[in-house]
Amino acid sequence: MAKNRVTTHLMCEECKERNYTQVVSKKRSAGSLKLSKFCSRCRKHQAHKETK
């Protein structure tokens, strides 16, 4: 893996479980990413936000 990449997690805002991972560039200057993804614990689509 390249040195300018870092692994982040997407955490469900309802149950606080970390369901997804993604590899992003360290140079990315955008704020915290927030997506609607399926949560396996809640068994429905919930908002997931980016954490480290």
PDB file of N, CA and C in Angstrom:
ATOM      1  N   MET A   1       0.840  -1.173   0.000  1.00  0.00           N
ATOM      2  CA  MET A   1       0.000   0.000   0.000  1.00  0.00           C
ATOM      3  C   MET A   1       0.888   1.240   0.000  1.00  0.00           C
ATOM      4  N   ALA A   2       0.427   2.274  -0.616  1.00  0.00           N
ATOM      5  CA  ALA A   2       1.200   3.506  -0.724  1.00  0.00           C
ATOM      6  C   ALA A   2       1.311   4.220   0.624  1.00  0.00           C
ATOM      7  N   LYS A   3       2.341   5.029   0.763  1.00  0.00           N
ATOM      8  CA  LYS A   3       2.579   5.725   2.030  1.00  0.00           C
ATOM      9  C   LYS A   3       1.626   6.880   2.265  1.00  0.00           C
ATOM     10  N   ASN A   4       0.993   7.378   1.214  1.00  0.00           N
ATOM     11  CA  ASN A   4       0.087   8.515   1.382  1.00  0.00           C
ATOM     12  C   ASN A   4      -1.369   8.081   1.503  1.00  0.00           C
ATOM     13  N   ARG A   5      -1.599   6.838   1.892  1.00  0.00           N
ATOM     14  CA  ARG A   5      -2.947   6.318   2.080  1.00  0.00           C
ATOM     15  C   ARG A   5      -3.161   5.937   3.538  1.00  0.00           C
ATOM     16  N   VAL A   6      -4.409   6.035   4.003  1.00  0.00           N
ATOM     17  CA  VAL A   6      -4.750   5.663   5.370  1.00  0.00           C
ATOM     18  C   VAL A   6      -6.108   4.951   5.356  1.00  0.00           C
ATOM     19  N   THR A   7      -6.288   3.968   6.234  1.00  0.00           N
ATOM     20  CA  THR A   7      -7.540   3.221   6.321  1.00  0.00           C
ATOM     21  C   THR A   7      -8.455   3.899   7.325  1.00  0.00           C
ATOM     22  N   THR A   8      -9.697   4.152   6.918  1.00  0.00           N
ATOM     23  CA  THR A   8     -10.700   4.717   7.815  1.00  0.00           C
ATOM     24  C   THR A   8     -11.885   3.773   7.889  1.00  0.00           C
ATOM     25  N   HIS A   9     -12.717   3.952   8.897  1.00  0.00           N
ATOM     26  CA  HIS A   9     -13.894   3.115   9.102  1.00  0.00           C
ATOM     27  C   HIS A   9     -15.149   3.962   8.972  1.00  0.00           C
ATOM     28  N   LEU A  10     -16.251   3.314   8.584  1.00  0.00           N
ATOM     29  CA  LEU A  10     -17.553   3.962   8.575  1.00  0.00           C
ATOM     30  C   LEU A  10     -18.364   3.366   9.718  1.00  0.00           C
ATOM     31  N   MET A  11     -18.832   4.226  10.629  1.00  0.00           N
ATOM     32  CA  MET A  11     -19.521   3.796  11.834  1.00  0.00           C
ATOM     33  C   MET A  11     -20.992   4.187  11.769  1.00  0.00           C
ATOM     34  N   CYS A  12     -21.871   3.253  12.129  1.00  0.00           N
ATOM     35  CA  CYS A  12     -23.304   3.516  12.169  1.00  0.00           C
ATOM     36  C   CYS A  12     -23.597   4.533  13.268  1.00  0.00           C
ATOM     37  N   GLU A  13     -24.409   5.530  12.969  1.00  0.00           N
ATOM     38  CA  GLU A  13     -24.715   6.554  13.969  1.00  0.00           C
ATOM     39  C   GLU A  13     -25.745   6.089  14.991  1.00  0.00           C
ATOM     40  N   GLU A  14     -26.486   5.029  14.700  1.00  0.00           N
ATOM     41  CA  GLU A  14     -27.485   4.532  15.644  1.00  0.00           C
ATOM     42  C   GLU A  14     -26.884   3.567  16.671  1.00  0.00           C
ATOM     43  N   CYS A  15     -26.238   2.500  16.190  1.00  0.00           N
ATOM     44  CA  CYS A  15     -25.739   1.466  17.101  1.00  0.00           C
ATOM     45  C   CYS A  15     -24.240   1.561  17.359  1.00  0.00           C
ATOM     46  N   LYS A  16     -23.534   2.487  16.680  1.00  0.00           N
ATOM     47  CA  LYS A  16     -22.095   2.741  16.861  1.00  0.00           C
ATOM     48  C   LYS A  16     -21.202   1.571  16.442  1.00  0.00           C
ATOM     49  N   GLU A  17     -21.684   0.680  15.578  1.00  0.00           N
ATOM     50  CA  GLU A  17     -20.866  -0.424  15.093  1.00  0.00           C
ATOM     51  C   GLU A  17     -20.108   0.006  13.841  1.00  0.00           C
ATOM     52  N   ARG A  18     -18.842  -0.391  13.744  1.00  0.00           N
ATOM     53  CA  ARG A  18     -18.022  -0.076  12.572  1.00  0.00           C
ATOM     54  C   ARG A  18     -18.213  -1.188  11.550  1.00  0.00           C
ATOM     55  N   ASN A  19     -18.934  -0.876  10.460  1.00  0.00           N
ATOM     56  CA  ASN A  19     -19.318  -1.881   9.481  1.00  0.00           C
ATOM     57  C   ASN A  19     -18.447  -1.903   8.243  1.00  0.00           C
ATOM     58  N   TYR A  20     -17.923  -0.778   7.811  1.00  0.00           N
ATOM     59  CA  TYR A  20     -17.222  -0.676   6.544  1.00  0.00           C
ATOM     60  C   TYR A  20     -15.853  -0.040   6.741  1.00  0.00           C
ATOM     61  N   THR A  21     -14.901  -0.396   5.858  1.00  0.00           N
ATOM     62  CA  THR A  21     -13.595   0.243   5.834  1.00  0.00           C
ATOM     63  C   THR A  21     -13.360   0.813   4.447  1.00  0.00           C
ATOM     64  N   GLN A  22     -12.510   1.813   4.377  1.00  0.00           N
ATOM     65  CA  GLN A  22     -12.137   2.408   3.100  1.00  0.00           C
ATOM     66  C   GLN A  22     -10.733   2.956   3.207  1.00  0.00           C
ATOM     67  N   VAL A  23     -10.041   3.001   2.084  1.00  0.00           N
ATOM     68  CA  VAL A  23      -8.682   3.532   2.018  1.00  0.00           C
ATOM     69  C   VAL A  23      -8.758   4.873   1.312  1.00  0.00           C
ATOM     70  N   VAL A  24      -8.294   5.927   1.991  1.00  0.00           N
ATOM     71  CA  VAL A  24      -8.368   7.277   1.441  1.00  0.00           C
ATOM     72  C   VAL A  24      -6.993   7.923   1.471  1.00  0.00           C
ATOM     73  N   SER A  25      -6.832   8.956   0.683  1.00  0.00           N
ATOM     74  CA  SER A  25      -5.590   9.695   0.609  1.00  0.00           C
ATOM     75  C   SER A  25      -5.441  10.605   1.825  1.00  0.00           C
ATOM     76  N   LYS A  26      -4.217  10.762   2.308  1.00  0.00           N
ATOM     77  CA  LYS A  26      -3.961  11.675   3.424  1.00  0.00           C
ATOM     78  C   LYS A  26      -4.134  13.128   3.007  1.00  0.00           C
ATOM     79  N   LYS A  27      -4.028  13.396   1.712  1.00  0.00           N
ATOM     80  CA  LYS A  27      -4.121  14.760   1.204  1.00  0.00           C
ATOM     81  C   LYS A  27      -5.564  15.256   1.100  1.00  0.00           C
ATOM     82  N   ARG A  28      -6.531  14.377   1.300  1.00  0.00           N
ATOM     83  CA  ARG A  28      -7.938  14.770   1.189  1.00  0.00           C
ATOM     84  C   ARG A  28      -8.269  15.812   2.250  1.00  0.00           C
ATOM     85  N   SER A  29      -8.792  16.945   1.835  1.00  0.00           N
ATOM     86  CA  SER A  29      -9.055  18.040   2.764  1.00  0.00           C
ATOM     87  C   SER A  29     -10.537  18.175   3.099  1.00  0.00           C
ATOM     88  N   ALA A  30     -11.380  17.301   2.567  1.00  0.00           N
ATOM     89  CA  ALA A  30     -12.810  17.377   2.841  1.00  0.00           C
ATOM     90  C   ALA A  30     -13.082  17.013   4.298  1.00  0.00           C
ATOM     91  N   GLY A  31     -14.225  17.405   4.784  1.00  0.00           N
ATOM     92  CA  GLY A  31     -14.591  17.106   6.159  1.00  0.00           C
ATOM     93  C   GLY A  31     -14.974  15.644   6.328  1.00  0.00           C
ATOM     94  N   SER A  32     -15.645  15.326   7.397  1.00  0.00           N
ATOM     95  CA  SER A  32     -16.044  13.962   7.691  1.00  0.00           C
ATOM     96  C   SER A  32     -17.096  13.487   6.688  1.00  0.00           C
ATOM     97  N   LEU A  33     -16.878  12.311   6.126  1.00  0.00           N
ATOM     98  CA  LEU A  33     -17.773  11.737   5.130  1.00  0.00           C
ATOM     99  C   LEU A  33     -18.980  11.126   5.821  1.00  0.00           C
ATOM    100  N   LYS A  34     -20.180  11.320   5.261  1.00  0.00           N
ATOM    101  CA  LYS A  34     -21.400  10.779   5.840  1.00  0.00           C
ATOM    102  C   LYS A  34     -22.220  10.158   4.717  1.00  0.00           C
ATOM    103  N   LEU A  35     -22.471   8.836   4.796  1.00  0.00           N
ATOM    104  CA  LEU A  35     -23.178   8.105   3.756  1.00  0.00           C
ATOM    105  C   LEU A  35     -24.311   7.284   4.345  1.00  0.00           C
ATOM    106  N   SER A  36     -25.288   6.963   3.527  1.00  0.00           N
ATOM    107  CA  SER A  36     -26.355   6.055   3.918  1.00  0.00           C
ATOM    108  C   SER A  36     -25.963   4.657   3.458  1.00  0.00           C
ATOM    109  N   LYS A  37     -25.697   3.766   4.412  1.00  0.00           N
ATOM    110  CA  LYS A  37     -25.262   2.405   4.111  1.00  0.00           C
ATOM    111  C   LYS A  37     -26.126   1.429   4.914  1.00  0.00           C
ATOM    112  N   PHE A  38     -26.074   0.137   4.522  1.00  0.00           N
ATOM    113  CA  PHE A  38     -26.825  -0.891   5.240  1.00  0.00           C
ATOM    114  C   PHE A  38     -26.062  -1.315   6.483  1.00  0.00           C
ATOM    115  N   CYS A  39     -26.730  -1.317   7.623  1.00  0.00           N
ATOM    116  CA  CYS A  39     -26.138  -1.752   8.890  1.00  0.00           C
ATOM    117  C   CYS A  39     -26.627  -3.171   9.182  1.00  0.00           C
ATOM    118  N   SER A  40     -25.697  -4.103   9.353  1.00  0.00           N
ATOM    119  CA  SER A  40     -26.076  -5.493   9.590  1.00  0.00           C
ATOM    120  C   SER A  40     -26.648  -5.708  10.991  1.00  0.00           C
ATOM    121  N   ARG A  41     -26.285  -4.875  11.932  1.00  0.00           N
ATOM    122  CA  ARG A  41     -26.836  -5.010  13.289  1.00  0.00           C
ATOM    123  C   ARG A  41     -28.246  -4.443  13.381  1.00  0.00           C
ATOM    124  N   CYS A  42     -28.473  -3.272  12.782  1.00  0.00           N
ATOM    125  CA  CYS A  42     -29.798  -2.635  12.788  1.00  0.00           C
ATOM    126  C   CYS A  42     -30.737  -3.255  11.761  1.00  0.00           C
ATOM    127  N   ARG A  43     -30.183  -3.928  10.752  1.00  0.00           N
ATOM    128  CA  ARG A  43     -30.919  -4.575   9.675  1.00  0.00           C
ATOM    129  C   ARG A  43     -31.701  -3.586   8.816  1.00  0.00           C
ATOM    130  N   LYS A  44     -31.163  -2.371   8.636  1.00  0.00           N
ATOM    131  CA  LYS A  44     -31.769  -1.385   7.749  1.00  0.00           C
ATOM    132  C   LYS A  44     -30.725  -0.349   7.359  1.00  0.00           C
ATOM    133  N   HIS A  45     -31.066   0.502   6.414  1.00  0.00           N
ATOM    134  CA  HIS A  45     -30.152   1.554   5.986  1.00  0.00           C
ATOM    135  C   HIS A  45     -30.119   2.657   7.036  1.00  0.00           C
ATOM    136  N   GLN A  46     -28.904   3.016   7.421  1.00  0.00           N
ATOM    137  CA  GLN A  46     -28.684   4.060   8.420  1.00  0.00           C
ATOM    138  C   GLN A  46     -27.578   4.985   7.919  1.00  0.00           C
ATOM    139  N   ALA A  47     -27.477   6.141   8.532  1.00  0.00           N
ATOM    140  CA  ALA A  47     -26.386   7.065   8.224  1.00  0.00           C
ATOM    141  C   ALA A  47     -25.108   6.537   8.875  1.00  0.00           C
ATOM    142  N   HIS A  48     -24.037   6.483   8.115  1.00  0.00           N
ATOM    143  CA  HIS A  48     -22.725   6.063   8.602  1.00  0.00           C
ATOM    144  C   HIS A  48     -21.772   7.243   8.440  1.00  0.00           C
ATOM    145  N   LYS A  49     -20.958   7.508   9.458  1.00  0.00           N
ATOM    146  CA  LYS A  49     -19.987   8.594   9.344  1.00  0.00           C
ATOM    147  C   LYS A  49     -18.587   8.046   9.489  1.00  0.00           C
ATOM    148  N   GLU A  50     -17.644   8.792   8.941  1.00  0.00           N
ATOM    149  CA  GLU A  50     -16.250   8.382   8.877  1.00  0.00           C
ATOM    150  C   GLU A  50     -15.568   8.555  10.231  1.00  0.00           C
ATOM    151  N   THR A  51     -14.838   7.529  10.656  1.00  0.00           N
ATOM    152  CA  THR A  51     -14.024   7.575  11.876  1.00  0.00           C
ATOM    153  C   THR A  51     -12.654   6.988  11.560  1.00  0.00           C
ATOM    154  N   LYS A  52     -11.730   7.108  12.481  1.00  0.00           N
ATOM    155  CA  LYS A  52     -10.388   6.542  12.274  1.00  0.00           C
ATOM    156  C   LYS A  52     -10.265   5.211  12.954  1.00  0.00           C
TER     157      LYS A  52
END
